[in-house]
């Protein structure tokens, strides 16, 4: 027992702990993390239910082994097939100006 221990008990003085108390966790931090996760889940659910407005491109091969680029625009409901990546890029650039 430490010599000042009895005095500390009588005066209701708390003795310091050997290790510091970790105080970096707070309700605000937990709430911010929960909101961030809920936002990600909400965005994923909305994309799943409503579909994406992004252009999708699939690379396929025809029966002769030629590479084909099939592009689908969900906004205009267009599906186009291109024989080269360059043709696809030109079409993608032009569709924004139409």
PDB file of N, CA and C in Angstrom:
ATOM      1  N   UNK A   1       0.840  -1.177   0.000  1.00  0.00           N
ATOM      2  CA  UNK A   1       0.000   0.000   0.000  1.00  0.00           C
ATOM      3  C   UNK A   1       0.888   1.244   0.000  1.00  0.00           C
ATOM      4  N   UNK A   2       0.562   2.186  -0.817  1.00  0.00           N
ATOM      5  CA  UNK A   2       1.325   3.422  -0.910  1.00  0.00           C
ATOM      6  C   UNK A   2       1.070   4.280   0.330  1.00  0.00           C
ATOM      7  N   UNK A   3       2.051   5.111   0.709  1.00  0.00           N
ATOM      8  CA  UNK A   3       1.865   5.925   1.915  1.00  0.00           C
ATOM      9  C   UNK A   3       0.720   6.932   1.795  1.00  0.00           C
ATOM     10  N   UNK A   4       0.497   7.492   0.640  1.00  0.00           N
ATOM     11  CA  UNK A   4      -0.574   8.481   0.466  1.00  0.00           C
ATOM     12  C   UNK A   4      -1.910   7.836   0.131  1.00  0.00           C
ATOM     13  N   UNK A   5      -1.940   6.528   0.078  1.00  0.00           N
ATOM     14  CA  UNK A   5      -3.138   5.815  -0.312  1.00  0.00           C
ATOM     15  C   UNK A   5      -4.275   6.031   0.686  1.00  0.00           C
ATOM     16  N   UNK A   6      -3.977   5.974   1.977  1.00  0.00           N
ATOM     17  CA  UNK A   6      -5.000   6.167   2.994  1.00  0.00           C
ATOM     18  C   UNK A   6      -5.553   7.587   2.928  1.00  0.00           C
ATOM     19  N   UNK A   7      -4.674   8.565   2.740  1.00  0.00           N
ATOM     20  CA  UNK A   7      -5.114   9.957   2.605  1.00  0.00           C
ATOM     21  C   UNK A   7      -6.022  10.109   1.382  1.00  0.00           C
ATOM     22  N   UNK A   8      -5.625   9.469   0.271  1.00  0.00           N
ATOM     23  CA  UNK A   8      -6.420   9.565  -0.957  1.00  0.00           C
ATOM     24  C   UNK A   8      -7.790   8.952  -0.755  1.00  0.00           C
ATOM     25  N   UNK A   9      -7.863   7.860  -0.021  1.00  0.00           N
ATOM     26  CA  UNK A   9      -9.158   7.239   0.248  1.00  0.00           C
ATOM     27  C   UNK A   9     -10.023   8.133   1.132  1.00  0.00           C
ATOM     28  N   UNK A  10      -9.409   8.729   2.148  1.00  0.00           N
ATOM     29  CA  UNK A  10     -10.172   9.580   3.058  1.00  0.00           C
ATOM     30  C   UNK A  10     -10.678  10.834   2.361  1.00  0.00           C
ATOM     31  N   UNK A  11      -9.906  11.386   1.473  1.00  0.00           N
ATOM     32  CA  UNK A  11     -10.291  12.608   0.776  1.00  0.00           C
ATOM     33  C   UNK A  11     -11.040  12.316  -0.531  1.00  0.00           C
ATOM     34  N   UNK A  12     -11.296  11.050  -0.803  1.00  0.00           N
ATOM     35  CA  UNK A  12     -11.983  10.602  -2.021  1.00  0.00           C
ATOM     36  C   UNK A  12     -11.260  11.062  -3.283  1.00  0.00           C
ATOM     37  N   UNK A  13      -9.957  11.000  -3.230  1.00  0.00           N
ATOM     38  CA  UNK A  13      -9.134  11.362  -4.381  1.00  0.00           C
ATOM     39  C   UNK A  13      -8.869  10.089  -5.178  1.00  0.00           C
ATOM     40  N   UNK A  14      -9.160  10.148  -6.449  1.00  0.00           N
ATOM     41  CA  UNK A  14      -8.924   8.975  -7.283  1.00  0.00           C
ATOM     42  C   UNK A  14      -7.457   8.894  -7.657  1.00  0.00           C
ATOM     43  N   UNK A  15      -6.930   7.681  -7.581  1.00  0.00           N
ATOM     44  CA  UNK A  15      -5.541   7.465  -7.962  1.00  0.00           C
ATOM     45  C   UNK A  15      -5.470   7.343  -9.481  1.00  0.00           C
ATOM     46  N   UNK A  16      -4.425   7.863 -10.088  1.00  0.00           N
ATOM     47  CA  UNK A  16      -4.306   7.741 -11.549  1.00  0.00           C
ATOM     48  C   UNK A  16      -4.091   6.277 -11.944  1.00  0.00           C
ATOM     49  N   UNK A  17      -4.645   5.926 -13.066  1.00  0.00           N
ATOM     50  CA  UNK A  17      -4.486   4.567 -13.579  1.00  0.00           C
ATOM     51  C   UNK A  17      -3.120   4.410 -14.220  1.00  0.00           C
ATOM     52  N   UNK A  18      -2.675   3.169 -14.311  1.00  0.00           N
ATOM     53  CA  UNK A  18      -1.382   2.905 -14.938  1.00  0.00           C
ATOM     54  C   UNK A  18      -1.401   3.212 -16.434  1.00  0.00           C
ATOM     55  N   UNK A  19      -2.530   2.989 -17.062  1.00  0.00           N
ATOM     56  CA  UNK A  19      -2.634   3.269 -18.493  1.00  0.00           C
ATOM     57  C   UNK A  19      -3.710   4.338 -18.702  1.00  0.00           C
ATOM     58  N   UNK A  20      -3.528   5.194 -19.685  1.00  0.00           N
ATOM     59  CA  UNK A  20      -4.533   6.245 -19.926  1.00  0.00           C
ATOM     60  C   UNK A  20      -5.826   5.654 -20.471  1.00  0.00           C
ATOM     61  N   UNK A  21      -6.903   6.286 -20.133  1.00  0.00           N
ATOM     62  CA  UNK A  21      -8.212   5.868 -20.625  1.00  0.00           C
ATOM     63  C   UNK A  21      -8.357   6.333 -22.064  1.00  0.00           C
ATOM     64  N   UNK A  22      -8.841   5.445 -22.908  1.00  0.00           N
ATOM     65  CA  UNK A  22      -9.010   5.777 -24.314  1.00  0.00           C
ATOM     66  C   UNK A  22     -10.319   6.544 -24.478  1.00  0.00           C
ATOM     67  N   UNK A  23     -10.242   7.779 -24.954  1.00  0.00           N
ATOM     68  CA  UNK A  23     -11.431   8.623 -25.054  1.00  0.00           C
ATOM     69  C   UNK A  23     -11.719   9.059 -26.487  1.00  0.00           C
ATOM     70  N   UNK A  24     -11.124   8.405 -27.463  1.00  0.00           N
ATOM     71  CA  UNK A  24     -11.327   8.846 -28.838  1.00  0.00           C
ATOM     72  C   UNK A  24     -12.627   8.308 -29.443  1.00  0.00           C
ATOM     73  N   UNK A  25     -13.331   7.434 -28.754  1.00  0.00           N
ATOM     74  CA  UNK A  25     -14.588   6.905 -29.266  1.00  0.00           C
ATOM     75  C   UNK A  25     -15.729   7.724 -28.685  1.00  0.00           C
ATOM     76  N   UNK A  26     -16.552   8.256 -29.535  1.00  0.00           N
ATOM     77  CA  UNK A  26     -17.660   9.071 -29.054  1.00  0.00           C
ATOM     78  C   UNK A  26     -18.920   8.733 -29.831  1.00  0.00           C
ATOM     79  N   UNK A  27     -20.025   9.194 -29.323  1.00  0.00           N
ATOM     80  CA  UNK A  27     -21.314   8.970 -29.980  1.00  0.00           C
ATOM     81  C   UNK A  27     -21.339   9.641 -31.348  1.00  0.00           C
ATOM     82  N   UNK A  28     -20.787  10.833 -31.444  1.00  0.00           N
ATOM     83  CA  UNK A  28     -20.783  11.553 -32.718  1.00  0.00           C
ATOM     84  C   UNK A  28     -19.998  10.784 -33.776  1.00  0.00           C
ATOM     85  N   UNK A  29     -18.878  10.217 -33.371  1.00  0.00           N
ATOM     86  CA  UNK A  29     -18.065   9.448 -34.322  1.00  0.00           C
ATOM     87  C   UNK A  29     -18.794   8.173 -34.762  1.00  0.00           C
ATOM     88  N   UNK A  30     -19.437   7.498 -33.817  1.00  0.00           N
ATOM     89  CA  UNK A  30     -20.197   6.295 -34.153  1.00  0.00           C
ATOM     90  C   UNK A  30     -21.375   6.629 -35.069  1.00  0.00           C
ATOM     91  N   UNK A  31     -22.058   7.741 -34.803  1.00  0.00           N
ATOM     92  CA  UNK A  31     -23.191   8.160 -35.627  1.00  0.00           C
ATOM     93  C   UNK A  31     -22.732   8.517 -37.045  1.00  0.00           C
ATOM     94  N   UNK A  32     -21.596   9.192 -37.159  1.00  0.00           N
ATOM     95  CA  UNK A  32     -21.072   9.543 -38.481  1.00  0.00           C
ATOM     96  C   UNK A  32     -20.728   8.289 -39.270  1.00  0.00           C
ATOM     97  N   UNK A  33     -20.136   7.306 -38.624  1.00  0.00           N
ATOM     98  CA  UNK A  33     -19.810   6.046 -39.303  1.00  0.00           C
ATOM     99  C   UNK A  33     -21.079   5.309 -39.721  1.00  0.00           C
ATOM    100  N   UNK A  34     -22.091   5.305 -38.859  1.00  0.00           N
ATOM    101  CA  UNK A  34     -23.361   4.645 -39.198  1.00  0.00           C
ATOM    102  C   UNK A  34     -24.030   5.333 -40.387  1.00  0.00           C
ATOM    103  N   UNK A  35     -24.014   6.669 -40.412  1.00  0.00           N
ATOM    104  CA  UNK A  35     -24.608   7.397 -41.536  1.00  0.00           C
ATOM    105  C   UNK A  35     -23.855   7.116 -42.832  1.00  0.00           C
ATOM    106  N   UNK A  36     -22.534   7.019 -42.751  1.00  0.00           N
ATOM    107  CA  UNK A  36     -21.734   6.737 -43.941  1.00  0.00           C
ATOM    108  C   UNK A  36     -22.088   5.359 -44.501  1.00  0.00           C
ATOM    109  N   UNK A  37     -22.184   4.374 -43.618  1.00  0.00           N
ATOM    110  CA  UNK A  37     -22.518   3.018 -44.073  1.00  0.00           C
ATOM    111  C   UNK A  37     -23.941   2.944 -44.625  1.00  0.00           C
ATOM    112  N   UNK A  38     -24.880   3.610 -43.967  1.00  0.00           N
ATOM    113  CA  UNK A  38     -26.252   3.619 -44.469  1.00  0.00           C
ATOM    114  C   UNK A  38     -26.348   4.308 -45.826  1.00  0.00           C
ATOM    115  N   UNK A  39     -25.556   5.335 -46.029  1.00  0.00           N
ATOM    116  CA  UNK A  39     -25.533   6.029 -47.312  1.00  0.00           C
ATOM    117  C   UNK A  39     -25.034   5.100 -48.415  1.00  0.00           C
ATOM    118  N   UNK A  40     -23.991   4.326 -48.134  1.00  0.00           N
ATOM    119  CA  UNK A  40     -23.476   3.385 -49.127  1.00  0.00           C
ATOM    120  C   UNK A  40     -24.504   2.314 -49.454  1.00  0.00           C
ATOM    121  N   UNK A  41     -25.169   1.793 -48.435  1.00  0.00           N
ATOM    122  CA  UNK A  41     -26.193   0.773 -48.649  1.00  0.00           C
ATOM    123  C   UNK A  41     -27.357   1.360 -49.439  1.00  0.00           C
ATOM    124  N   UNK A  42     -27.762   2.579 -49.091  1.00  0.00           N
ATOM    125  CA  UNK A  42     -28.853   3.238 -49.803  1.00  0.00           C
ATOM    126  C   UNK A  42     -28.527   3.480 -51.267  1.00  0.00           C
ATOM    127  N   UNK A  43     -27.312   3.903 -51.552  1.00  0.00           N
ATOM    128  CA  UNK A  43     -26.904   4.130 -52.937  1.00  0.00           C
ATOM    129  C   UNK A  43     -26.898   2.834 -53.732  1.00  0.00           C
ATOM    130  N   UNK A  44     -26.384   1.771 -53.122  1.00  0.00           N
ATOM    131  CA  UNK A  44     -26.353   0.476 -53.801  1.00  0.00           C
ATOM    132  C   UNK A  44     -27.769  -0.038 -54.056  1.00  0.00           C
ATOM    133  N   UNK A  45     -28.661   0.139 -53.086  1.00  0.00           N
ATOM    134  CA  UNK A  45     -30.043  -0.300 -53.242  1.00  0.00           C
ATOM    135  C   UNK A  45     -30.754   0.502 -54.327  1.00  0.00           C
ATOM    136  N   UNK A  46     -30.531   1.799 -54.359  1.00  0.00           N
ATOM    137  CA  UNK A  46     -31.149   2.640 -55.379  1.00  0.00           C
ATOM    138  C   UNK A  46     -30.669   2.267 -56.778  1.00  0.00           C
ATOM    139  N   UNK A  47     -29.376   2.017 -56.923  1.00  0.00           N
ATOM    140  CA  UNK A  47     -28.831   1.596 -58.213  1.00  0.00           C
ATOM    141  C   UNK A  47     -29.413   0.252 -58.629  1.00  0.00           C
ATOM    142  N   UNK A  48     -29.561  -0.649 -57.674  1.00  0.00           N
ATOM    143  CA  UNK A  48     -30.116  -1.970 -57.976  1.00  0.00           C
ATOM    144  C   UNK A  48     -31.578  -1.870 -58.416  1.00  0.00           C
ATOM    145  N   UNK A  49     -32.367  -1.073 -57.719  1.00  0.00           N
ATOM    146  CA  UNK A  49     -33.789  -0.973 -58.024  1.00  0.00           C
ATOM    147  C   UNK A  49     -34.076  -0.146 -59.270  1.00  0.00           C
ATOM    148  N   UNK A  50     -33.349   0.931 -59.465  1.00  0.00           N
ATOM    149  CA  UNK A  50     -33.636   1.842 -60.575  1.00  0.00           C
ATOM    150  C   UNK A  50     -32.768   1.586 -61.795  1.00  0.00           C
ATOM    151  N   UNK A  51     -31.709   0.852 -61.614  1.00  0.00           N
ATOM    152  CA  UNK A  51     -30.795   0.648 -62.719  1.00  0.00           C
ATOM    153  C   UNK A  51     -29.799   1.783 -62.795  1.00  0.00           C
ATOM    154  N   UNK A  52     -28.796   1.588 -63.561  1.00  0.00           N
ATOM    155  CA  UNK A  52     -27.751   2.597 -63.687  1.00  0.00           C
ATOM    156  C   UNK A  52     -27.924   3.348 -64.995  1.00  0.00           C
ATOM    157  N   UNK A  53     -27.557   4.607 -65.000  1.00  0.00           N
ATOM    158  CA  UNK A  53     -27.616   5.407 -66.218  1.00  0.00           C
ATOM    159  C   UNK A  53     -26.287   5.366 -66.964  1.00  0.00           C
ATOM    160  N   UNK A  54     -25.341   4.586 -66.468  1.00  0.00           N
ATOM    161  CA  UNK A  54     -24.029   4.505 -67.091  1.00  0.00           C
ATOM    162  C   UNK A  54     -24.055   3.600 -68.321  1.00  0.00           C
ATOM    163  N   UNK A  55     -23.240   3.950 -69.257  1.00  0.00           N
ATOM    164  CA  UNK A  55     -23.076   3.163 -70.471  1.00  0.00           C
ATOM    165  C   UNK A  55     -22.384   1.849 -70.114  1.00  0.00           C
ATOM    166  N   UNK A  56     -22.880   0.740 -70.654  1.00  0.00           N
ATOM    167  CA  UNK A  56     -22.210  -0.543 -70.417  1.00  0.00           C
ATOM    168  C   UNK A  56     -21.674  -1.070 -71.741  1.00  0.00           C
ATOM    169  N   UNK A  57     -20.446  -1.571 -71.683  1.00  0.00           N
ATOM    170  CA  UNK A  57     -19.782  -2.102 -72.873  1.00  0.00           C
ATOM    171  C   UNK A  57     -19.366  -3.541 -72.588  1.00  0.00           C
ATOM    172  N   UNK A  58     -19.716  -4.435 -73.507  1.00  0.00           N
ATOM    173  CA  UNK A  58     -19.349  -5.840 -73.401  1.00  0.00           C
ATOM    174  C   UNK A  58     -18.488  -6.198 -74.596  1.00  0.00           C
ATOM    175  N   UNK A  59     -17.409  -6.911 -74.337  1.00  0.00           N
ATOM    176  CA  UNK A  59     -16.529  -7.354 -75.416  1.00  0.00           C
ATOM    177  C   UNK A  59     -16.890  -8.801 -75.733  1.00  0.00           C
ATOM    178  N   UNK A  60     -17.209  -9.056 -77.004  1.00  0.00           N
ATOM    179  CA  UNK A  60     -17.594 -10.402 -77.442  1.00  0.00           C
ATOM    180  C   UNK A  60     -16.787 -10.783 -78.673  1.00  0.00           C
ATOM    181  N   UNK A  61     -16.894 -12.029 -79.041  1.00  0.00           N
ATOM    182  CA  UNK A  61     -16.268 -12.524 -80.269  1.00  0.00           C
ATOM    183  C   UNK A  61     -17.350 -13.181 -81.128  1.00  0.00           C
ATOM    184  N   UNK A  62     -17.276 -12.911 -82.436  1.00  0.00           N
ATOM    185  CA  UNK A  62     -18.230 -13.565 -83.332  1.00  0.00           C
ATOM    186  C   UNK A  62     -17.720 -14.965 -83.688  1.00  0.00           C
ATOM    187  N   UNK A  63     -18.443 -15.667 -84.541  1.00  0.00           N
ATOM    188  CA  UNK A  63     -18.074 -17.060 -84.844  1.00  0.00           C
ATOM    189  C   UNK A  63     -16.760 -17.190 -85.603  1.00  0.00           C
ATOM    190  N   UNK A  64     -16.277 -16.097 -86.188  1.00  0.00           N
ATOM    191  CA  UNK A  64     -15.002 -16.120 -86.905  1.00  0.00           C
ATOM    192  C   UNK A  64     -13.840 -15.653 -86.026  1.00  0.00           C
ATOM    193  N   UNK A  65     -14.126 -15.314 -84.776  1.00  0.00           N
ATOM    194  CA  UNK A  65     -13.080 -14.896 -83.855  1.00  0.00           C
ATOM    195  C   UNK A  65     -12.801 -13.413 -83.835  1.00  0.00           C
ATOM    196  N   UNK A  66     -13.583 -12.641 -84.548  1.00  0.00           N
ATOM    197  CA  UNK A  66     -13.396 -11.182 -84.548  1.00  0.00           C
ATOM    198  C   UNK A  66     -13.932 -10.579 -83.246  1.00  0.00           C
ATOM    199  N   UNK A  67     -13.235  -9.588 -82.749  1.00  0.00           N
ATOM    200  CA  UNK A  67     -13.660  -8.916 -81.516  1.00  0.00           C
ATOM    201  C   UNK A  67     -14.739  -7.902 -81.834  1.00  0.00           C
ATOM    202  N   UNK A  68     -15.811  -7.940 -81.028  1.00  0.00           N
ATOM    203  CA  UNK A  68     -16.923  -6.999 -81.174  1.00  0.00           C
ATOM    204  C   UNK A  68     -17.134  -6.277 -79.850  1.00  0.00           C
ATOM    205  N   UNK A  69     -17.451  -5.004 -79.941  1.00  0.00           N
ATOM    206  CA  UNK A  69     -17.752  -4.193 -78.760  1.00  0.00           C
ATOM    207  C   UNK A  69     -19.238  -3.863 -78.804  1.00  0.00           C
ATOM    208  N   UNK A  70     -19.982  -4.381 -77.843  1.00  0.00           N
ATOM    209  CA  UNK A  70     -21.425  -4.146 -77.779  1.00  0.00           C
ATOM    210  C   UNK A  70     -21.674  -3.122 -76.677  1.00  0.00           C
ATOM    211  N   UNK A  71     -22.214  -1.969 -77.067  1.00  0.00           N
ATOM    212  CA  UNK A  71     -22.479  -0.876 -76.122  1.00  0.00           C
ATOM    213  C   UNK A  71     -23.970  -0.737 -75.923  1.00  0.00           C
ATOM    214  N   UNK A  72     -24.366  -0.559 -74.667  1.00  0.00           N
ATOM    215  CA  UNK A  72     -25.777  -0.362 -74.344  1.00  0.00           C
ATOM    216  C   UNK A  72     -25.910   0.932 -73.544  1.00  0.00           C
ATOM    217  N   UNK A  73     -26.756   1.833 -74.050  1.00  0.00           N
ATOM    218  CA  UNK A  73     -27.039   3.094 -73.381  1.00  0.00           C
ATOM    219  C   UNK A  73     -28.424   2.979 -72.740  1.00  0.00           C
ATOM    220  N   UNK A  74     -28.520   2.825 -71.414  1.00  0.00           N
ATOM    221  CA  UNK A  74     -29.827   2.645 -70.778  1.00  0.00           C
ATOM    222  C   UNK A  74     -30.713   3.882 -70.823  1.00  0.00           C
ATOM    223  N   UNK A  75     -30.153   5.052 -71.015  1.00  0.00           N
ATOM    224  CA  UNK A  75     -30.957   6.272 -71.075  1.00  0.00           C
ATOM    225  C   UNK A  75     -31.762   6.322 -72.370  1.00  0.00           C
ATOM    226  N   UNK A  76     -31.094   6.098 -73.511  1.00  0.00           N
ATOM    227  CA  UNK A  76     -31.778   6.145 -74.807  1.00  0.00           C
ATOM    228  C   UNK A  76     -32.235   4.765 -75.286  1.00  0.00           C
ATOM    229  N   UNK A  77     -31.928   3.741 -74.518  1.00  0.00           N
ATOM    230  CA  UNK A  77     -32.264   2.354 -74.860  1.00  0.00           C
ATOM    231  C   UNK A  77     -31.669   1.926 -76.204  1.00  0.00           C
ATOM    232  N   UNK A  78     -30.494   2.442 -76.521  1.00  0.00           N
ATOM    233  CA  UNK A  78     -29.801   2.056 -77.749  1.00  0.00           C
ATOM    234  C   UNK A  78     -28.795   0.965 -77.453  1.00  0.00           C
ATOM    235  N   UNK A  79     -28.699   0.009 -78.361  1.00  0.00           N
ATOM    236  CA  UNK A  79     -27.672  -1.013 -78.294  1.00  0.00           C
ATOM    237  C   UNK A  79     -26.959  -1.009 -79.642  1.00  0.00           C
ATOM    238  N   UNK A  80     -25.656  -0.774 -79.590  1.00  0.00           N
ATOM    239  CA  UNK A  80     -24.864  -0.675 -80.813  1.00  0.00           C
ATOM    240  C   UNK A  80     -23.704  -1.651 -80.736  1.00  0.00           C
ATOM    241  N   UNK A  81     -23.318  -2.196 -81.888  1.00  0.00           N
ATOM    242  CA  UNK A  81     -22.186  -3.109 -81.974  1.00  0.00           C
ATOM    243  C   UNK A  81     -21.123  -2.486 -82.864  1.00  0.00           C
ATOM    244  N   UNK A  82     -19.875  -2.513 -82.395  1.00  0.00           N
ATOM    245  CA  UNK A  82     -18.762  -1.920 -83.122  1.00  0.00           C
ATOM    246  C   UNK A  82     -17.673  -2.960 -83.313  1.00  0.00           C
ATOM    247  N   UNK A  83     -16.954  -2.819 -84.426  1.00  0.00           N
ATOM    248  CA  UNK A  83     -15.884  -3.773 -84.710  1.00  0.00           C
ATOM    249  C   UNK A  83     -14.531  -3.316 -84.195  1.00  0.00           C
ATOM    250  N   UNK A  84     -14.443  -2.048 -83.741  1.00  0.00           N
ATOM    251  CA  UNK A  84     -13.174  -1.567 -83.200  1.00  0.00           C
ATOM    252  C   UNK A  84     -13.441  -0.666 -81.999  1.00  0.00           C
ATOM    253  N   UNK A  85     -12.454  -0.567 -81.165  1.00  0.00           N
ATOM    254  CA  UNK A  85     -12.565   0.290 -79.991  1.00  0.00           C
ATOM    255  C   UNK A  85     -12.629   1.756 -80.401  1.00  0.00           C
ATOM    256  N   UNK A  86     -11.958   2.096 -81.478  1.00  0.00           N
ATOM    257  CA  UNK A  86     -11.961   3.482 -81.956  1.00  0.00           C
ATOM    258  C   UNK A  86     -13.368   3.907 -82.383  1.00  0.00           C
ATOM    259  N   UNK A  87     -14.087   3.036 -83.106  1.00  0.00           N
ATOM    260  CA  UNK A  87     -15.470   3.352 -83.496  1.00  0.00           C
ATOM    261  C   UNK A  87     -16.355   3.548 -82.271  1.00  0.00           C
ATOM    262  N   UNK A  88     -16.149   2.705 -81.275  1.00  0.00           N
ATOM    263  CA  UNK A  88     -16.915   2.816 -80.032  1.00  0.00           C
ATOM    264  C   UNK A  88     -16.649   4.154 -79.357  1.00  0.00           C
ATOM    265  N   UNK A  89     -15.396   4.551 -79.280  1.00  0.00           N
ATOM    266  CA  UNK A  89     -15.049   5.818 -78.634  1.00  0.00           C
ATOM    267  C   UNK A  89     -15.658   7.014 -79.371  1.00  0.00           C
ATOM    268  N   UNK A  90     -15.674   6.977 -80.692  1.00  0.00           N
ATOM    269  CA  UNK A  90     -16.276   8.065 -81.478  1.00  0.00           C
ATOM    270  C   UNK A  90     -17.767   8.152 -81.175  1.00  0.00           C
ATOM    271  N   UNK A  91     -18.453   7.007 -81.137  1.00  0.00           N
ATOM    272  CA  UNK A  91     -19.880   6.988 -80.850  1.00  0.00           C
ATOM    273  C   UNK A  91     -20.169   7.515 -79.441  1.00  0.00           C
ATOM    274  N   UNK A  92     -19.357   7.111 -78.475  1.00  0.00           N
ATOM    275  CA  UNK A  92     -19.543   7.570 -77.091  1.00  0.00           C
ATOM    276  C   UNK A  92     -19.384   9.092 -77.029  1.00  0.00           C
ATOM    277  N   UNK A  93     -18.366   9.630 -77.694  1.00  0.00           N
ATOM    278  CA  UNK A  93     -18.158  11.076 -77.690  1.00  0.00           C
ATOM    279  C   UNK A  93     -19.306  11.809 -78.372  1.00  0.00           C
ATOM    280  N   UNK A  94     -19.817  11.264 -79.473  1.00  0.00           N
ATOM    281  CA  UNK A  94     -20.877  11.950 -80.232  1.00  0.00           C
ATOM    282  C   UNK A  94     -22.235  11.885 -79.517  1.00  0.00           C
ATOM    283  N   UNK A  95     -22.478  10.880 -78.753  1.00  0.00           N
ATOM    284  CA  UNK A  95     -23.814  10.742 -78.144  1.00  0.00           C
ATOM    285  C   UNK A  95     -24.069  11.826 -77.092  1.00  0.00           C
ATOM    286  N   UNK A  96     -23.028  12.421 -76.538  1.00  0.00           N
ATOM    287  CA  UNK A  96     -23.219  13.502 -75.575  1.00  0.00           C
ATOM    288  C   UNK A  96     -23.592  14.815 -76.264  1.00  0.00           C
ATOM    289  N   UNK A  97     -23.285  14.939 -77.547  1.00  0.00           N
ATOM    290  CA  UNK A  97     -23.581  16.181 -78.269  1.00  0.00           C
ATOM    291  C   UNK A  97     -24.892  16.124 -79.040  1.00  0.00           C
ATOM    292  N   UNK A  98     -25.592  15.008 -78.950  1.00  0.00           N
ATOM    293  CA  UNK A  98     -26.874  14.870 -79.677  1.00  0.00           C
ATOM    294  C   UNK A  98     -28.018  15.387 -78.859  1.00  0.00           C
TER     295      UNK A  98
END
